[in-house]
Amino acid sequence: MRGLGTMHELAITQSIVDIVSEKALSRQVIRVKLAIGKLSAIEPDAVQFCFDVCTKGTYAEGAALEIDHIEGLGRCKNCATEIPLTQSSWRCQCGSNDIECIAGQELTITELEVV
């Protein structure tokens, strides 16, 4: 695992907090739920670490952050087989390397709970 709180994750987390604050419409945010793909090059632990820092003084201060980890999934363009993907494995059982990533690269705000 990379170091917690890298500049990359700090900037991403600040963008998430900006979006959440805008969508909250001046209401207190209680919970934020994210989906982060395992192929996204985003460290969920670092986002979690940065969240409290980035929410200070916003409507999201004190909100719970929940993160769903999305596995990598691809579809072979040669035979249409869906296969699990990792950072190093992008080869279908038919031998093709022509794989379309269909899950695992996302960063999505999936839920926002406000009062």
PDB file of N, CA and C in Angstrom:
ATOM      1  N   MET A   1       0.847  -1.183   0.000  1.00  0.00           N
ATOM      2  CA  MET A   1       0.000   0.000   0.000  1.00  0.00           C
ATOM      3  C   MET A   1       0.886   1.237   0.000  1.00  0.00           C
ATOM      4  N   ARG A   2       0.505   2.214  -0.763  1.00  0.00           N
ATOM      5  CA  ARG A   2       1.246   3.475  -0.784  1.00  0.00           C
ATOM      6  C   ARG A   2       1.011   4.214   0.516  1.00  0.00           C
ATOM      7  N   GLY A   3       1.783   5.285   0.719  1.00  0.00           N
ATOM      8  CA  GLY A   3       1.622   6.090   1.918  1.00  0.00           C
ATOM      9  C   GLY A   3       0.252   6.734   1.978  1.00  0.00           C
ATOM     10  N   LEU A   4      -0.299   6.830   3.179  1.00  0.00           N
ATOM     11  CA  LEU A   4      -1.615   7.442   3.350  1.00  0.00           C
ATOM     12  C   LEU A   4      -1.539   8.933   3.066  1.00  0.00           C
ATOM     13  N   GLY A   5      -2.586   9.455   2.450  1.00  0.00           N
ATOM     14  CA  GLY A   5      -2.696  10.890   2.259  1.00  0.00           C
ATOM     15  C   GLY A   5      -1.812  11.464   1.172  1.00  0.00           C
ATOM     16  N   THR A   6      -1.574  10.725   0.098  1.00  0.00           N
ATOM     17  CA  THR A   6      -0.770  11.263  -0.984  1.00  0.00           C
ATOM     18  C   THR A   6      -1.495  12.433  -1.637  1.00  0.00           C
ATOM     19  N   MET A   7      -0.756  13.258  -2.353  1.00  0.00           N
ATOM     20  CA  MET A   7      -1.339  14.423  -3.020  1.00  0.00           C
ATOM     21  C   MET A   7      -2.442  13.999  -4.000  1.00  0.00           C
ATOM     22  N   HIS A   8      -2.243  12.877  -4.665  1.00  0.00           N
ATOM     23  CA  HIS A   8      -3.231  12.353  -5.619  1.00  0.00           C
ATOM     24  C   HIS A   8      -4.575  12.126  -4.923  1.00  0.00           C
ATOM     25  N   GLU A   9      -4.559  11.378  -3.843  1.00  0.00           N
ATOM     26  CA  GLU A   9      -5.800  11.085  -3.126  1.00  0.00           C
ATOM     27  C   GLU A   9      -6.349  12.314  -2.417  1.00  0.00           C
ATOM     28  N   LEU A  10      -5.473  13.201  -1.967  1.00  0.00           N
ATOM     29  CA  LEU A  10      -5.940  14.432  -1.327  1.00  0.00           C
ATOM     30  C   LEU A  10      -6.743  15.270  -2.317  1.00  0.00           C
ATOM     31  N   ALA A  11      -6.233  15.428  -3.531  1.00  0.00           N
ATOM     32  CA  ALA A  11      -6.934  16.201  -4.563  1.00  0.00           C
ATOM     33  C   ALA A  11      -8.254  15.522  -4.950  1.00  0.00           C
ATOM     34  N   ILE A  12      -8.245  14.208  -5.076  1.00  0.00           N
ATOM     35  CA  ILE A  12      -9.461  13.473  -5.417  1.00  0.00           C
ATOM     36  C   ILE A  12     -10.491  13.611  -4.301  1.00  0.00           C
ATOM     37  N   THR A  13     -10.051  13.465  -3.058  1.00  0.00           N
ATOM     38  CA  THR A  13     -10.968  13.571  -1.926  1.00  0.00           C
ATOM     39  C   THR A  13     -11.539  14.980  -1.826  1.00  0.00           C
ATOM     40  N   GLN A  14     -10.725  15.994  -2.088  1.00  0.00           N
ATOM     41  CA  GLN A  14     -11.231  17.373  -2.071  1.00  0.00           C
ATOM     42  C   GLN A  14     -12.300  17.566  -3.137  1.00  0.00           C
ATOM     43  N   SER A  15     -12.105  16.972  -4.304  1.00  0.00           N
ATOM     44  CA  SER A  15     -13.118  17.050  -5.365  1.00  0.00           C
ATOM     45  C   SER A  15     -14.406  16.349  -4.948  1.00  0.00           C
ATOM     46  N   ILE A  16     -14.288  15.208  -4.297  1.00  0.00           N
ATOM     47  CA  ILE A  16     -15.461  14.486  -3.804  1.00  0.00           C
ATOM     48  C   ILE A  16     -16.219  15.352  -2.804  1.00  0.00           C
ATOM     49  N   VAL A  17     -15.501  15.965  -1.865  1.00  0.00           N
ATOM     50  CA  VAL A  17     -16.125  16.810  -0.848  1.00  0.00           C
ATOM     51  C   VAL A  17     -16.788  18.027  -1.496  1.00  0.00           C
ATOM     52  N   ASP A  18     -16.163  18.599  -2.503  1.00  0.00           N
ATOM     53  CA  ASP A  18     -16.761  19.732  -3.226  1.00  0.00           C
ATOM     54  C   ASP A  18     -18.089  19.323  -3.870  1.00  0.00           C
ATOM     55  N   ILE A  19     -18.115  18.168  -4.513  1.00  0.00           N
ATOM     56  CA  ILE A  19     -19.333  17.679  -5.150  1.00  0.00           C
ATOM     57  C   ILE A  19     -20.410  17.397  -4.105  1.00  0.00           C
ATOM     58  N   VAL A  20     -20.025  16.726  -3.028  1.00  0.00           N
ATOM     59  CA  VAL A  20     -20.965  16.406  -1.953  1.00  0.00           C
ATOM     60  C   VAL A  20     -21.550  17.682  -1.350  1.00  0.00           C
ATOM     61  N   SER A  21     -20.701  18.667  -1.104  1.00  0.00           N
ATOM     62  CA  SER A  21     -21.174  19.928  -0.522  1.00  0.00           C
ATOM     63  C   SER A  21     -22.160  20.629  -1.447  1.00  0.00           C
ATOM     64  N   GLU A  22     -21.882  20.600  -2.737  1.00  0.00           N
ATOM     65  CA  GLU A  22     -22.774  21.220  -3.720  1.00  0.00           C
ATOM     66  C   GLU A  22     -24.124  20.495  -3.762  1.00  0.00           C
ATOM     67  N   LYS A  23     -24.089  19.176  -3.762  1.00  0.00           N
ATOM     68  CA  LYS A  23     -25.321  18.379  -3.852  1.00  0.00           C
ATOM     69  C   LYS A  23     -26.131  18.432  -2.559  1.00  0.00           C
ATOM     70  N   ALA A  24     -25.484  18.706  -1.424  1.00  0.00           N
ATOM     71  CA  ALA A  24     -26.181  18.732  -0.135  1.00  0.00           C
ATOM     72  C   ALA A  24     -27.116  19.931   0.001  1.00  0.00           C
ATOM     73  N   LEU A  25     -26.925  20.950  -0.821  1.00  0.00           N
ATOM     74  CA  LEU A  25     -27.795  22.136  -0.812  1.00  0.00           C
ATOM     75  C   LEU A  25     -27.928  22.747   0.589  1.00  0.00           C
ATOM     76  N   SER A  26     -26.803  22.986   1.219  1.00  0.00           N
ATOM     77  CA  SER A  26     -26.728  23.620   2.547  1.00  0.00           C
ATOM     78  C   SER A  26     -27.369  22.786   3.660  1.00  0.00           C
ATOM     79  N   ARG A  27     -27.472  21.482   3.449  1.00  0.00           N
ATOM     80  CA  ARG A  27     -27.968  20.581   4.496  1.00  0.00           C
ATOM     81  C   ARG A  27     -26.787  19.783   5.054  1.00  0.00           C
ATOM     82  N   GLN A  28     -26.903  19.355   6.297  1.00  0.00           N
ATOM     83  CA  GLN A  28     -25.840  18.586   6.939  1.00  0.00           C
ATOM     84  C   GLN A  28     -25.746  17.191   6.317  1.00  0.00           C
ATOM     85  N   VAL A  29     -24.542  16.809   5.934  1.00  0.00           N
ATOM     86  CA  VAL A  29     -24.300  15.486   5.358  1.00  0.00           C
ATOM     87  C   VAL A  29     -23.998  14.517   6.500  1.00  0.00           C
ATOM     88  N   ILE A  30     -24.707  13.397   6.516  1.00  0.00           N
ATOM     89  CA  ILE A  30     -24.518  12.391   7.554  1.00  0.00           C
ATOM     90  C   ILE A  30     -23.657  11.234   7.062  1.00  0.00           C
ATOM     91  N   ARG A  31     -23.833  10.876   5.774  1.00  0.00           N
ATOM     92  CA  ARG A  31     -23.119   9.717   5.243  1.00  0.00           C
ATOM     93  C   ARG A  31     -22.850   9.899   3.765  1.00  0.00           C
ATOM     94  N   VAL A  32     -21.658   9.479   3.368  1.00  0.00           N
ATOM     95  CA  VAL A  32     -21.263   9.475   1.960  1.00  0.00           C
ATOM     96  C   VAL A  32     -20.795   8.057   1.646  1.00  0.00           C
ATOM     97  N   LYS A  33     -21.284   7.523   0.535  1.00  0.00           N
ATOM     98  CA  LYS A  33     -20.863   6.190   0.121  1.00  0.00           C
ATOM     99  C   LYS A  33     -20.228   6.281  -1.256  1.00  0.00           C
ATOM    100  N   LEU A  34     -19.047   5.693  -1.382  1.00  0.00           N
ATOM    101  CA  LEU A  34     -18.300   5.699  -2.634  1.00  0.00           C
ATOM    102  C   LEU A  34     -18.121   4.287  -3.162  1.00  0.00           C
ATOM    103  N   ALA A  35     -17.977   4.158  -4.457  1.00  0.00           N
ATOM    104  CA  ALA A  35     -17.528   2.927  -5.105  1.00  0.00           C
ATOM    105  C   ALA A  35     -16.179   3.252  -5.730  1.00  0.00           C
ATOM    106  N   ILE A  36     -15.158   2.514  -5.330  1.00  0.00           N
ATOM    107  CA  ILE A  36     -13.814   2.721  -5.872  1.00  0.00           C
ATOM    108  C   ILE A  36     -13.338   1.409  -6.474  1.00  0.00           C
ATOM    109  N   GLY A  37     -13.039   1.446  -7.767  1.00  0.00           N
ATOM    110  CA  GLY A  37     -12.560   0.260  -8.466  1.00  0.00           C
ATOM    111  C   GLY A  37     -11.133  -0.072  -8.102  1.00  0.00           C
ATOM    112  N   LYS A  38     -10.857  -1.363  -8.025  1.00  0.00           N
ATOM    113  CA  LYS A  38      -9.510  -1.817  -7.671  1.00  0.00           C
ATOM    114  C   LYS A  38      -8.489  -1.540  -8.776  1.00  0.00           C
ATOM    115  N   LEU A  39      -8.958  -1.172  -9.970  1.00  0.00           N
ATOM    116  CA  LEU A  39      -8.054  -0.836 -11.068  1.00  0.00           C
ATOM    117  C   LEU A  39      -7.950   0.675 -11.276  1.00  0.00           C
ATOM    118  N   SER A  40      -8.505   1.456 -10.363  1.00  0.00           N
ATOM    119  CA  SER A  40      -8.609   2.908 -10.538  1.00  0.00           C
ATOM    120  C   SER A  40      -7.345   3.681 -10.164  1.00  0.00           C
ATOM    121  N   ALA A  41      -6.365   3.036  -9.573  1.00  0.00           N
ATOM    122  CA  ALA A  41      -5.148   3.693  -9.097  1.00  0.00           C
ATOM    123  C   ALA A  41      -5.449   4.684  -7.972  1.00  0.00           C
ATOM    124  N   ILE A  42      -6.543   4.447  -7.256  1.00  0.00           N
ATOM    125  CA  ILE A  42      -6.913   5.260  -6.102  1.00  0.00           C
ATOM    126  C   ILE A  42      -6.885   4.361  -4.876  1.00  0.00           C
ATOM    127  N   GLU A  43      -6.154   4.767  -3.852  1.00  0.00           N
ATOM    128  CA  GLU A  43      -6.051   3.997  -2.620  1.00  0.00           C
ATOM    129  C   GLU A  43      -7.205   4.357  -1.690  1.00  0.00           C
ATOM    130  N   PRO A  44      -8.165   3.442  -1.489  1.00  0.00           N
ATOM    131  CA  PRO A  44      -9.291   3.729  -0.604  1.00  0.00           C
ATOM    132  C   PRO A  44      -8.874   4.155   0.808  1.00  0.00           C
ATOM    133  N   ASP A  45      -7.831   3.544   1.356  1.00  0.00           N
ATOM    134  CA  ASP A  45      -7.368   3.914   2.703  1.00  0.00           C
ATOM    135  C   ASP A  45      -6.900   5.369   2.743  1.00  0.00           C
ATOM    136  N   ALA A  46      -6.273   5.820   1.675  1.00  0.00           N
ATOM    137  CA  ALA A  46      -5.799   7.203   1.619  1.00  0.00           C
ATOM    138  C   ALA A  46      -6.979   8.171   1.499  1.00  0.00           C
ATOM    139  N   VAL A  47      -8.003   7.794   0.726  1.00  0.00           N
ATOM    140  CA  VAL A  47      -9.206   8.629   0.617  1.00  0.00           C
ATOM    141  C   VAL A  47      -9.874   8.730   1.983  1.00  0.00           C
ATOM    142  N   GLN A  48      -9.977   7.600   2.672  1.00  0.00           N
ATOM    143  CA  GLN A  48     -10.566   7.585   4.017  1.00  0.00           C
ATOM    144  C   GLN A  48      -9.783   8.514   4.943  1.00  0.00           C
ATOM    145  N   PHE A  49      -8.474   8.440   4.875  1.00  0.00           N
ATOM    146  CA  PHE A  49      -7.599   9.263   5.705  1.00  0.00           C
ATOM    147  C   PHE A  49      -7.793  10.753   5.409  1.00  0.00           C
ATOM    148  N   CYS A  50      -7.907  11.102   4.135  1.00  0.00           N
ATOM    149  CA  CYS A  50      -8.030  12.506   3.722  1.00  0.00           C
ATOM    150  C   CYS A  50      -9.435  13.079   3.952  1.00  0.00           C
ATOM    151  N   PHE A  51     -10.430  12.223   4.063  1.00  0.00           N
ATOM    152  CA  PHE A  51     -11.816  12.674   4.129  1.00  0.00           C
ATOM    153  C   PHE A  51     -12.058  13.620   5.309  1.00  0.00           C
ATOM    154  N   ASP A  52     -11.597  13.257   6.498  1.00  0.00           N
ATOM    155  CA  ASP A  52     -11.810  14.111   7.675  1.00  0.00           C
ATOM    156  C   ASP A  52     -11.149  15.475   7.512  1.00  0.00           C
ATOM    157  N   VAL A  53      -9.969  15.489   6.916  1.00  0.00           N
ATOM    158  CA  VAL A  53      -9.250  16.750   6.693  1.00  0.00           C
ATOM    159  C   VAL A  53     -10.013  17.623   5.700  1.00  0.00           C
ATOM    160  N   CYS A  54     -10.481  17.025   4.614  1.00  0.00           N
ATOM    161  CA  CYS A  54     -11.147  17.781   3.548  1.00  0.00           C
ATOM    162  C   CYS A  54     -12.549  18.260   3.931  1.00  0.00           C
ATOM    163  N   THR A  55     -13.186  17.598   4.887  1.00  0.00           N
ATOM    164  CA  THR A  55     -14.551  17.987   5.260  1.00  0.00           C
ATOM    165  C   THR A  55     -14.591  19.052   6.359  1.00  0.00           C
ATOM    166  N   LYS A  56     -13.461  19.377   6.963  1.00  0.00           N
ATOM    167  CA  LYS A  56     -13.434  20.399   8.020  1.00  0.00           C
ATOM    168  C   LYS A  56     -14.056  21.696   7.504  1.00  0.00           C
ATOM    169  N   GLY A  57     -15.029  22.210   8.264  1.00  0.00           N
ATOM    170  CA  GLY A  57     -15.659  23.474   7.913  1.00  0.00           C
ATOM    171  C   GLY A  57     -16.688  23.393   6.797  1.00  0.00           C
ATOM    172  N   THR A  58     -17.057  22.169   6.390  1.00  0.00           N
ATOM    173  CA  THR A  58     -18.062  22.002   5.332  1.00  0.00           C
ATOM    174  C   THR A  58     -19.311  21.347   5.923  1.00  0.00           C
ATOM    175  N   TYR A  59     -20.354  21.248   5.115  1.00  0.00           N
ATOM    176  CA  TYR A  59     -21.572  20.562   5.542  1.00  0.00           C
ATOM    177  C   TYR A  59     -21.352  19.063   5.718  1.00  0.00           C
ATOM    178  N   ALA A  60     -20.224  18.561   5.248  1.00  0.00           N
ATOM    179  CA  ALA A  60     -19.918  17.137   5.382  1.00  0.00           C
ATOM    180  C   ALA A  60     -19.033  16.830   6.591  1.00  0.00           C
ATOM    181  N   GLU A  61     -18.676  17.848   7.355  1.00  0.00           N
ATOM    182  CA  GLU A  61     -17.830  17.604   8.533  1.00  0.00           C
ATOM    183  C   GLU A  61     -18.543  16.645   9.481  1.00  0.00           C
ATOM    184  N   GLY A  62     -17.842  15.606   9.895  1.00  0.00           N
ATOM    185  CA  GLY A  62     -18.396  14.602  10.799  1.00  0.00           C
ATOM    186  C   GLY A  62     -19.167  13.490  10.103  1.00  0.00           C
ATOM    187  N   ALA A  63     -19.315  13.571   8.795  1.00  0.00           N
ATOM    188  CA  ALA A  63     -20.058  12.543   8.054  1.00  0.00           C
ATOM    189  C   ALA A  63     -19.276  11.232   8.033  1.00  0.00           C
ATOM    190  N   ALA A  64     -20.019  10.136   7.987  1.00  0.00           N
ATOM    191  CA  ALA A  64     -19.405   8.817   7.839  1.00  0.00           C
ATOM    192  C   ALA A  64     -19.083   8.599   6.358  1.00  0.00           C
ATOM    193  N   LEU A  65     -17.940   7.998   6.108  1.00  0.00           N
ATOM    194  CA  LEU A  65     -17.555   7.648   4.734  1.00  0.00           C
ATOM    195  C   LEU A  65     -17.507   6.134   4.625  1.00  0.00           C
ATOM    196  N   GLU A  66     -18.295   5.602   3.696  1.00  0.00           N
ATOM    197  CA  GLU A  66     -18.295   4.168   3.423  1.00  0.00           C
ATOM    198  C   GLU A  66     -17.765   3.957   2.012  1.00  0.00           C
ATOM    199  N   ILE A  67     -16.913   2.960   1.864  1.00  0.00           N
ATOM    200  CA  ILE A  67     -16.309   2.697   0.557  1.00  0.00           C
ATOM    201  C   ILE A  67     -16.546   1.250   0.157  1.00  0.00           C
ATOM    202  N   ASP A  68     -17.181   1.061  -1.010  1.00  0.00           N
ATOM    203  CA  ASP A  68     -17.315  -0.258  -1.620  1.00  0.00           C
ATOM    204  C   ASP A  68     -16.153  -0.443  -2.586  1.00  0.00           C
ATOM    205  N   HIS A  69     -15.508  -1.590  -2.515  1.00  0.00           N
ATOM    206  CA  HIS A  69     -14.376  -1.906  -3.383  1.00  0.00           C
ATOM    207  C   HIS A  69     -14.898  -2.742  -4.556  1.00  0.00           C
ATOM    208  N   ILE A  70     -14.722  -2.229  -5.775  1.00  0.00           N
ATOM    209  CA  ILE A  70     -15.247  -2.883  -6.974  1.00  0.00           C
ATOM    210  C   ILE A  70     -14.122  -3.671  -7.656  1.00  0.00           C
ATOM    211  N   GLU A  71     -14.356  -4.963  -7.814  1.00  0.00           N
ATOM    212  CA  GLU A  71     -13.378  -5.837  -8.469  1.00  0.00           C
ATOM    213  C   GLU A  71     -13.271  -5.500  -9.956  1.00  0.00           C
ATOM    214  N   GLY A  72     -12.111  -5.772 -10.521  1.00  0.00           N
ATOM    215  CA  GLY A  72     -11.919  -5.590 -11.952  1.00  0.00           C
ATOM    216  C   GLY A  72     -12.623  -6.682 -12.744  1.00  0.00           C
ATOM    217  N   LEU A  73     -13.304  -6.281 -13.810  1.00  0.00           N
ATOM    218  CA  LEU A  73     -14.001  -7.230 -14.669  1.00  0.00           C
ATOM    219  C   LEU A  73     -13.839  -6.772 -16.113  1.00  0.00           C
ATOM    220  N   GLY A  74     -13.527  -7.721 -16.978  1.00  0.00           N
ATOM    221  CA  GLY A  74     -13.348  -7.396 -18.388  1.00  0.00           C
ATOM    222  C   GLY A  74     -14.151  -8.317 -19.281  1.00  0.00           C
ATOM    223  N   ARG A  75     -14.311  -7.889 -20.524  1.00  0.00           N
ATOM    224  CA  ARG A  75     -14.992  -8.701 -21.530  1.00  0.00           C
ATOM    225  C   ARG A  75     -14.054  -8.837 -22.724  1.00  0.00           C
ATOM    226  N   CYS A  76     -13.821 -10.058 -23.119  1.00  0.00           N
ATOM    227  CA  CYS A  76     -12.959 -10.341 -24.270  1.00  0.00           C
ATOM    228  C   CYS A  76     -13.665  -9.892 -25.541  1.00  0.00           C
ATOM    229  N   LYS A  77     -12.981  -9.088 -26.344  1.00  0.00           N
ATOM    230  CA  LYS A  77     -13.562  -8.622 -27.604  1.00  0.00           C
ATOM    231  C   LYS A  77     -13.523  -9.713 -28.676  1.00  0.00           C
ATOM    232  N   ASN A  78     -12.775 -10.780 -28.421  1.00  0.00           N
ATOM    233  CA  ASN A  78     -12.674 -11.891 -29.367  1.00  0.00           C
ATOM    234  C   ASN A  78     -13.803 -12.906 -29.178  1.00  0.00           C
ATOM    235  N   CYS A  79     -14.068 -13.289 -27.897  1.00  0.00           N
ATOM    236  CA  CYS A  79     -15.054 -14.348 -27.658  1.00  0.00           C
ATOM    237  C   CYS A  79     -16.187 -13.932 -26.718  1.00  0.00           C
ATOM    238  N   ALA A  80     -16.164 -12.685 -26.214  1.00  0.00           N
ATOM    239  CA  ALA A  80     -17.208 -12.114 -25.345  1.00  0.00           C
ATOM    240  C   ALA A  80     -17.251 -12.717 -23.941  1.00  0.00           C
ATOM    241  N   THR A  81     -16.253 -13.490 -23.564  1.00  0.00           N
ATOM    242  CA  THR A  81     -16.185 -14.045 -22.214  1.00  0.00           C
ATOM    243  C   THR A  81     -15.856 -12.932 -21.226  1.00  0.00           C
ATOM    244  N   GLU A  82     -16.553 -12.933 -20.081  1.00  0.00           N
ATOM    245  CA  GLU A  82     -16.221 -11.992 -19.012  1.00  0.00           C
ATOM    246  C   GLU A  82     -15.202 -12.648 -18.097  1.00  0.00           C
ATOM    247  N   ILE A  83     -14.147 -11.887 -17.795  1.00  0.00           N
ATOM    248  CA  ILE A  83     -13.064 -12.429 -16.973  1.00  0.00           C
ATOM    249  C   ILE A  83     -12.695 -11.442 -15.868  1.00  0.00           C
ATOM    250  N   PRO A  84     -12.267 -11.966 -14.714  1.00  0.00           N
ATOM    251  CA  PRO A  84     -11.783 -11.072 -13.663  1.00  0.00           C
ATOM    252  C   PRO A  84     -10.468 -10.434 -14.102  1.00  0.00           C
ATOM    253  N   LEU A  85     -10.300  -9.160 -13.752  1.00  0.00           N
ATOM    254  CA  LEU A  85      -9.082  -8.441 -14.120  1.00  0.00           C
ATOM    255  C   LEU A  85      -8.339  -8.016 -12.864  1.00  0.00           C
ATOM    256  N   THR A  86      -7.025  -8.062 -12.938  1.00  0.00           N
ATOM    257  CA  THR A  86      -6.160  -7.511 -11.901  1.00  0.00           C
ATOM    258  C   THR A  86      -5.223  -6.526 -12.579  1.00  0.00           C
ATOM    259  N   GLN A  87      -4.398  -5.867 -11.809  1.00  0.00           N
ATOM    260  CA  GLN A  87      -3.445  -4.927 -12.401  1.00  0.00           C
ATOM    261  C   GLN A  87      -2.531  -5.621 -13.412  1.00  0.00           C
ATOM    262  N   SER A  88      -2.265  -6.916 -13.228  1.00  0.00           N
ATOM    263  CA  SER A  88      -1.303  -7.600 -14.095  1.00  0.00           C
ATOM    264  C   SER A  88      -1.928  -8.642 -15.028  1.00  0.00           C
ATOM    265  N   SER A  89      -3.209  -8.936 -14.898  1.00  0.00           N
ATOM    266  CA  SER A  89      -3.825 -10.002 -15.670  1.00  0.00           C
ATOM    267  C   SER A  89      -4.916  -9.468 -16.592  1.00  0.00           C
ATOM    268  N   TRP A  90      -4.599  -9.395 -17.885  1.00  0.00           N
ATOM    269  CA  TRP A  90      -5.571  -8.950 -18.891  1.00  0.00           C
ATOM    270  C   TRP A  90      -5.523  -9.897 -20.083  1.00  0.00           C
ATOM    271  N   ARG A  91      -5.627 -11.196 -19.839  1.00  0.00           N
ATOM    272  CA  ARG A  91      -5.577 -12.179 -20.915  1.00  0.00           C
ATOM    273  C   ARG A  91      -6.745 -13.151 -20.749  1.00  0.00           C
ATOM    274  N   CYS A  92      -7.465 -13.370 -21.826  1.00  0.00           N
ATOM    275  CA  CYS A  92      -8.608 -14.283 -21.818  1.00  0.00           C
ATOM    276  C   CYS A  92      -8.128 -15.722 -21.986  1.00  0.00           C
ATOM    277  N   GLN A  93      -8.979 -16.657 -21.563  1.00  0.00           N
ATOM    278  CA  GLN A  93      -8.658 -18.077 -21.713  1.00  0.00           C
ATOM    279  C   GLN A  93      -8.560 -18.498 -23.177  1.00  0.00           C
ATOM    280  N   CYS A  94      -9.170 -17.695 -24.098  1.00  0.00           N
ATOM    281  CA  CYS A  94      -9.065 -18.009 -25.525  1.00  0.00           C
ATOM    282  C   CYS A  94      -7.713 -17.569 -26.095  1.00  0.00           C
ATOM    283  N   GLY A  95      -6.918 -16.854 -25.270  1.00  0.00           N
ATOM    284  CA  GLY A  95      -5.599 -16.410 -25.702  1.00  0.00           C
ATOM    285  C   GLY A  95      -5.533 -14.958 -26.121  1.00  0.00           C
ATOM    286  N   SER A  96      -6.676 -14.311 -26.220  1.00  0.00           N
ATOM    287  CA  SER A  96      -6.722 -12.921 -26.671  1.00  0.00           C
ATOM    288  C   SER A  96      -6.321 -11.959 -25.548  1.00  0.00           C
ATOM    289  N   ASN A  97      -5.632 -10.900 -25.940  1.00  0.00           N
ATOM    290  CA  ASN A  97      -5.317  -9.794 -25.021  1.00  0.00           C
ATOM    291  C   ASN A  97      -6.206  -8.589 -25.295  1.00  0.00           C
ATOM    292  N   ASP A  98      -7.150  -8.710 -26.211  1.00  0.00           N
ATOM    293  CA  ASP A  98      -8.040  -7.612 -26.582  1.00  0.00           C
ATOM    294  C   ASP A  98      -9.230  -7.615 -25.617  1.00  0.00           C
ATOM    295  N   ILE A  99      -9.010  -7.030 -24.450  1.00  0.00           N
ATOM    296  CA  ILE A  99      -9.967  -7.068 -23.350  1.00  0.00           C
ATOM    297  C   ILE A  99     -10.493  -5.666 -23.083  1.00  0.00           C
ATOM    298  N   GLU A 100     -11.813  -5.551 -22.984  1.00  0.00           N
ATOM    299  CA  GLU A 100     -12.456  -4.293 -22.625  1.00  0.00           C
ATOM    300  C   GLU A 100     -12.760  -4.327 -21.130  1.00  0.00           C
ATOM    301  N   CYS A 101     -12.287  -3.336 -20.408  1.00  0.00           N
ATOM    302  CA  CYS A 101     -12.573  -3.242 -18.979  1.00  0.00           C
ATOM    303  C   CYS A 101     -14.012  -2.750 -18.802  1.00  0.00           C
ATOM    304  N   ILE A 102     -14.835  -3.540 -18.084  1.00  0.00           N
ATOM    305  CA  ILE A 102     -16.229  -3.149 -17.869  1.00  0.00           C
ATOM    306  C   ILE A 102     -16.522  -2.819 -16.401  1.00  0.00           C
ATOM    307  N   ALA A 103     -15.579  -3.080 -15.515  1.00  0.00           N
ATOM    308  CA  ALA A 103     -15.742  -2.705 -14.107  1.00  0.00           C
ATOM    309  C   ALA A 103     -14.371  -2.699 -13.447  1.00  0.00           C
ATOM    310  N   GLY A 104     -14.251  -1.840 -12.439  1.00  0.00           N
ATOM    311  CA  GLY A 104     -13.021  -1.819 -11.656  1.00  0.00           C
ATOM    312  C   GLY A 104     -12.222  -0.539 -11.785  1.00  0.00           C
ATOM    313  N   GLN A 105     -12.602   0.358 -12.699  1.00  0.00           N
ATOM    314  CA  GLN A 105     -11.886   1.613 -12.854  1.00  0.00           C
ATOM    315  C   GLN A 105     -12.673   2.802 -12.321  1.00  0.00           C
ATOM    316  N   GLU A 106     -13.841   2.551 -11.747  1.00  0.00           N
ATOM    317  CA  GLU A 106     -14.724   3.636 -11.350  1.00  0.00           C
ATOM    318  C   GLU A 106     -14.340   4.300 -10.031  1.00  0.00           C
ATOM    319  N   LEU A 107     -14.772   5.526  -9.935  1.00  0.00           N
ATOM    320  CA  LEU A 107     -14.805   6.285  -8.684  1.00  0.00           C
ATOM    321  C   LEU A 107     -16.140   7.014  -8.733  1.00  0.00           C
ATOM    322  N   THR A 108     -17.092   6.545  -7.929  1.00  0.00           N
ATOM    323  CA  THR A 108     -18.456   7.052  -8.004  1.00  0.00           C
ATOM    324  C   THR A 108     -18.998   7.348  -6.609  1.00  0.00           C
ATOM    325  N   ILE A 109     -19.666   8.467  -6.484  1.00  0.00           N
ATOM    326  CA  ILE A 109     -20.437   8.735  -5.272  1.00  0.00           C
ATOM    327  C   ILE A 109     -21.770   8.021  -5.473  1.00  0.00           C
ATOM    328  N   THR A 110     -22.001   6.956  -4.723  1.00  0.00           N
ATOM    329  CA  THR A 110     -23.196   6.142  -4.953  1.00  0.00           C
ATOM    330  C   THR A 110     -24.361   6.534  -4.039  1.00  0.00           C
ATOM    331  N   GLU A 111     -24.064   7.092  -2.864  1.00  0.00           N
ATOM    332  CA  GLU A 111     -25.117   7.512  -1.943  1.00  0.00           C
ATOM    333  C   GLU A 111     -24.667   8.748  -1.175  1.00  0.00           C
ATOM    334  N   LEU A 112     -25.651   9.561  -0.841  1.00  0.00           N
ATOM    335  CA  LEU A 112     -25.420  10.771  -0.055  1.00  0.00           C
ATOM    336  C   LEU A 112     -26.607  10.921   0.871  1.00  0.00           C
ATOM    337  N   GLU A 113     -26.369  10.879   2.178  1.00  0.00           N
ATOM    338  CA  GLU A 113     -27.435  11.012   3.153  1.00  0.00           C
ATOM    339  C   GLU A 113     -27.310  12.353   3.849  1.00  0.00           C
ATOM    340  N   VAL A 114     -28.366  13.149   3.787  1.00  0.00           N
ATOM    341  CA  VAL A 114     -28.388  14.477   4.395  1.00  0.00           C
ATOM    342  C   VAL A 114     -29.608  14.624   5.298  1.00  0.00           C
ATOM    343  N   VAL A 115     -29.554  15.628   6.182  1.00  0.00           N
ATOM    344  CA  VAL A 115     -30.723  15.944   7.031  1.00  0.00           C
ATOM    345  C   VAL A 115     -31.099  17.377   6.828  1.00  0.00           C
TER     346      VAL A 115
END
